[in-house]
Protein backbone atom coordinates (compact mmCIF):
# COMPACT_ATOMS: atom_id res chain seq x y z
CA MET A 1 -29.50 16.81 -4.40
CA GLY A 2 -26.44 14.64 -5.10
CA ASN A 3 -25.31 11.78 -2.96
CA SER A 4 -22.26 13.19 -1.17
CA VAL A 5 -19.92 10.54 0.13
CA PRO A 6 -16.66 11.51 1.84
CA ASP A 7 -13.58 10.66 -0.18
CA TRP A 8 -11.71 8.67 2.48
CA GLU A 9 -8.95 7.81 0.08
CA TYR A 10 -7.45 11.29 0.24
CA LEU A 11 -7.28 11.95 3.97
CA PRO A 12 -4.09 13.80 4.91
CA GLU A 13 -0.98 11.61 5.04
CA LEU A 14 -0.22 12.47 8.67
CA CYS A 15 -3.72 11.38 9.74
CA LEU A 16 -3.41 8.05 7.96
CA LEU A 17 0.07 7.38 9.34
CA THR A 18 -1.27 8.15 12.82
CA VAL A 19 -4.06 5.62 12.28
CA LEU A 20 -1.50 3.02 11.19
CA GLU A 21 0.53 3.68 14.33
CA LYS A 22 -2.54 2.89 16.46
CA ILE A 23 -3.36 -0.41 14.72
CA ASP A 24 -1.96 -3.31 16.75
CA GLU A 25 -2.83 -6.30 14.56
CA PRO A 26 -0.51 -6.86 11.56
CA ILE A 27 -3.41 -8.20 9.45
CA SER A 28 -5.31 -4.96 10.06
CA ARG A 29 -2.33 -3.00 8.75
CA VAL A 30 -2.33 -5.18 5.63
CA GLN A 31 -6.06 -4.55 5.22
CA PHE A 32 -5.38 -0.82 5.59
CA GLY A 33 -2.93 -1.06 2.68
CA ALA A 34 -5.56 -2.81 0.54
CA VAL A 35 -7.97 0.15 0.60
CA SER A 36 -6.40 1.99 -2.34
CA LYS A 37 -3.12 2.56 -4.15
CA TYR A 38 -2.59 5.74 -2.11
CA TRP A 39 -3.16 3.95 1.22
CA HIS A 40 -0.92 1.09 0.07
CA SER A 41 1.82 3.62 -0.66
CA LEU A 42 1.38 5.10 2.83
CA PHE A 43 1.47 1.59 4.30
CA ASN A 44 4.87 1.06 2.64
CA THR A 45 6.04 4.46 3.91
CA PHE A 46 4.93 3.45 7.41
CA LEU A 47 6.87 0.17 7.20
CA ASP A 48 9.99 2.03 6.04
CA ILE A 49 9.71 4.46 8.96
CA LYS A 50 9.28 1.60 11.43
CA ARG A 51 12.27 -0.28 9.99
CA ARG A 52 14.50 2.80 10.15
CA SER A 53 13.30 3.56 13.66
CA SER A 54 14.02 0.06 14.95
CA HIS A 55 17.39 0.02 13.17
CA ASN A 56 18.33 3.36 14.76
CA SER A 57 17.19 2.14 18.17
CA SER A 58 19.36 -0.96 17.96
CA SER A 59 22.32 1.10 16.68
CA ASN A 60 21.96 3.53 19.57
CA ALA A 61 21.79 0.66 22.04
CA ASP A 62 25.04 -0.73 20.62
CA ASP A 63 26.70 2.69 20.96
CA SER A 64 25.89 2.92 24.66
CA ILE A 65 27.66 -0.36 25.53
């Protein structure tokens, strides 16, 4: 019988982005990105989403003044 180990690297993107959203500590997010090239790519995607989201929020706040 083979040693079956789950391949955590290839969890669905939405699941991993949800995990990143729940992590409060910035260093933990960096550690998340160090797991694999795929997770690092998702970490960068997450940062881009957060940047766009905060930019849109500040733009919308300016529009309401």
